[in-house]
Protein backbone atom coordinates (compact mmCIF):
# COMPACT_ATOMS: atom_id res chain seq x y z
CA MET A 1 11.22 20.80 24.96
CA ARG A 2 9.57 20.98 21.94
CA SER A 3 8.13 17.46 21.63
CA GLU A 4 8.63 15.76 17.59
CA ILE A 5 6.10 14.25 15.85
CA SER A 6 7.26 11.45 13.61
CA LEU A 7 5.67 9.77 11.15
CA VAL A 8 7.82 6.20 11.42
CA ARG A 9 7.98 5.94 15.24
CA GLY A 10 5.52 5.76 17.55
CA LYS A 11 2.28 7.01 17.52
CA GLY A 12 3.32 8.29 13.92
CA ILE A 13 3.38 4.97 12.48
CA LEU A 14 -0.18 3.75 13.37
CA PHE A 15 -1.39 7.10 12.15
CA THR A 16 0.60 6.55 8.55
CA ASP A 17 -0.41 3.19 8.56
CA ILE A 18 -3.80 4.01 9.05
CA ILE A 19 -3.61 6.56 6.26
CA LEU A 20 -1.94 3.96 3.97
CA ALA A 21 -4.68 1.45 4.51
CA ILE A 22 -7.32 4.00 3.23
CA PHE A 23 -5.02 4.96 0.42
CA PHE A 24 -4.53 1.12 -0.98
CA ILE A 25 -7.96 1.02 -1.07
CA LEU A 26 -8.26 3.89 -2.79
CA VAL A 27 -5.44 2.88 -5.23
CA PHE A 28 -7.12 -0.67 -5.58
CA TRP A 29 -10.88 0.67 -5.92
CA SER A 30 -9.56 3.31 -8.99
CA GLY A 31 -7.37 0.93 -10.43
CA LEU A 32 -10.23 -1.65 -10.72
CA ALA A 33 -12.25 1.05 -12.06
CA LEU A 34 -9.58 2.02 -14.84
CA HIS A 35 -9.55 -1.67 -16.07
CA MET A 36 -13.48 -1.47 -16.18
CA THR A 37 -13.33 1.66 -18.03
CA ARG A 38 -11.07 0.21 -20.78
CA HIS A 39 -13.32 -2.55 -21.74
CA HIS A 40 -16.16 0.06 -21.53
CA VAL A 41 -18.00 -0.74 -18.53
CA PHE A 42 -18.25 2.74 -17.13
CA LEU A 43 -18.84 3.51 -13.28
CA PHE A 44 -20.67 6.39 -12.37
CA ASP A 45 -20.60 8.26 -15.77
CA TRP A 46 -16.74 9.11 -15.39
CA THR A 47 -14.70 8.66 -18.16
CA ASN A 48 -11.49 6.61 -18.38
CA SER A 49 -8.98 9.80 -18.10
CA ALA A 50 -10.98 10.49 -14.86
CA PHE A 51 -9.95 7.01 -13.30
CA THR A 52 -6.26 7.40 -14.63
CA TYR A 53 -6.10 10.59 -12.96
CA ILE A 54 -7.49 9.65 -9.51
CA HIS A 55 -5.46 6.23 -9.70
CA ILE A 56 -2.36 8.14 -10.57
CA ILE A 57 -2.66 11.02 -8.01
CA CYS A 58 -3.92 8.32 -5.13
CA SER A 59 -1.04 6.23 -6.49
CA LEU A 60 1.45 8.86 -5.64
CA PHE A 61 0.07 9.14 -2.11
CA PHE A 62 0.31 5.40 -1.67
CA LEU A 63 4.01 5.57 -2.59
CA ALA A 64 4.61 8.17 -0.48
CA LEU A 65 3.10 6.43 2.39
CA MET A 66 4.66 3.62 2.02
CA LEU A 67 7.82 4.79 1.71
CA LEU A 68 7.29 6.12 5.19
CA HIS A 69 5.96 2.18 6.02
CA ILE A 70 9.81 0.73 4.79
CA ILE A 71 11.49 3.55 6.37
CA ALA A 72 9.86 2.40 9.49
CA HIS A 73 10.62 -0.99 9.34
CA LEU A 74 13.98 -0.74 7.80
CA ASN A 75 15.38 -2.70 10.33
CA TRP A 76 13.42 -5.71 9.20
CA PHE A 77 14.91 -5.22 5.60
CA LYS A 78 18.30 -4.66 6.71
CA GLY A 79 17.69 -7.98 9.02
CA LEU A 80 16.79 -9.63 5.74
CA LEU A 81 20.12 -8.87 4.18
CA LYS A 82 22.46 -9.50 7.12
CA LYS A 83 20.58 -13.05 7.87
CA GLY A 84 18.53 -14.10 4.98
CA LEU A 85 15.40 -15.65 4.81
CA LYS A 86 15.35 -17.23 7.94
CA ASN A 87 12.76 -16.17 10.60
CA ARG A 88 11.47 -14.09 8.09
CA SER A 89 7.75 -13.59 6.78
CA LYS A 90 7.73 -14.94 3.22
CA ILE A 91 4.42 -13.21 3.01
CA THR A 92 6.29 -9.81 3.39
CA ILE A 93 9.13 -10.81 1.14
CA LEU A 94 6.51 -11.79 -1.65
CA ILE A 95 4.31 -8.81 -0.88
CA SER A 96 7.73 -6.63 -1.19
CA LEU A 97 8.81 -8.56 -4.40
CA LEU A 98 5.15 -7.68 -5.90
CA PHE A 99 4.90 -4.50 -4.88
CA PHE A 100 8.71 -3.32 -6.62
CA SER A 101 6.99 -5.11 -9.66
CA SER A 102 3.90 -3.44 -9.72
CA ILE A 103 5.61 -0.16 -9.10
CA THR A 104 7.66 -0.72 -12.06
CA THR A 105 5.51 -2.03 -14.64
CA GLY A 106 3.16 0.76 -13.63
CA LEU A 107 5.76 3.73 -14.19
CA PHE A 108 6.32 1.99 -17.57
CA ALA A 109 2.50 1.74 -18.16
CA LEU A 110 2.30 5.77 -16.97
CA PHE A 111 4.86 6.75 -19.31
CA THR A 112 5.04 4.52 -22.27
CA ASP A 113 1.70 3.70 -24.26
CA ASN A 114 2.00 -0.07 -24.09
CA SER A 115 -0.85 -1.57 -23.17
CA SER A 116 0.74 -5.09 -22.44
CA ILE A 117 2.84 -3.62 -19.84
CA GLY A 118 -0.19 -1.72 -18.28
CA LEU A 119 -2.02 -5.12 -18.43
CA HIS A 120 0.58 -6.77 -16.40
CA HIS A 121 0.55 -4.20 -14.22
CA TYR A 122 -2.95 -5.20 -13.30
CA LYS A 123 -2.09 -8.76 -13.24
CA LEU A 124 0.56 -8.44 -10.65
CA SER A 125 -1.80 -6.07 -8.54
CA LEU A 126 -4.63 -8.02 -8.16
CA LEU A 127 -1.83 -11.32 -7.40
CA MET A 128 -0.48 -9.08 -4.86
CA MET A 129 -4.12 -8.19 -3.38
CA PRO A 130 -4.89 -11.54 -1.16
CA PHE A 131 -1.46 -11.52 0.32
CA VAL A 132 -1.71 -7.45 1.14
CA LEU A 133 -4.90 -8.64 3.07
CA ILE A 134 -3.29 -11.42 5.15
CA HIS A 135 -0.31 -9.16 5.81
CA ILE A 136 -2.88 -6.70 7.17
CA MET A 137 -5.20 -9.16 9.05
CA THR A 138 -2.67 -10.67 10.66
CA ARG A 139 -1.54 -7.45 12.36
CA THR A 140 -4.76 -5.99 12.94
CA PRO A 141 -4.94 -7.26 16.90
CA SER A 142 -1.55 -5.60 17.30
CA ILE A 143 -2.84 -2.07 15.74
CA ILE A 144 -6.20 -2.40 17.45
CA LYS A 145 -3.83 -2.58 20.96
CA MET A 146 -1.83 0.23 20.08
CA ILE A 147 -4.98 2.23 19.21
CA ARG A 148 -6.86 1.59 22.87
CA LYS A 149 -3.34 2.52 24.80
CA ASN A 150 -2.43 5.63 22.85
CA TYR A 151 -5.88 7.19 22.01
CA LEU A 152 -8.43 5.85 23.40
CA SER A 153 -9.79 7.03 27.18
CA PRO A 154 -9.43 4.24 30.10
CA SER A 155 -13.04 4.31 30.34
CA ILE A 156 -13.09 2.72 26.82
CA LYS A 157 -9.78 0.35 26.89
């Protein structure tokens, strides 16, 4: 019998979340660098357009991984719709709203030449940062436990 690998269940979601965290860092770093180059603060002698391409490419990968993450936790969102805010993480709700707003303003900034929308995108993303870090840090013990259980040999556990 062939075993299927799922990126939204079991060990697969752990892999997806780890890669998601890496792309989160890349998107945040490239967004900050892009903002800084617009203020003529250059990093690595790279141009604004170089950071634009890096930010867009990393953001597309990040968005795809976020969709897998949302699919993996779809029951949480369904419960939110059925039962309301009771017993739901307010941080996760806030991140979801800020994430949707950040994606929307990012797409508008990409397809229009409106710098004020780009600035809103930047500010929303900065606002979202501490909440994402809290979201990750509160789940880190569970992630470490899953890594130990699924990937480390018994002598290392």
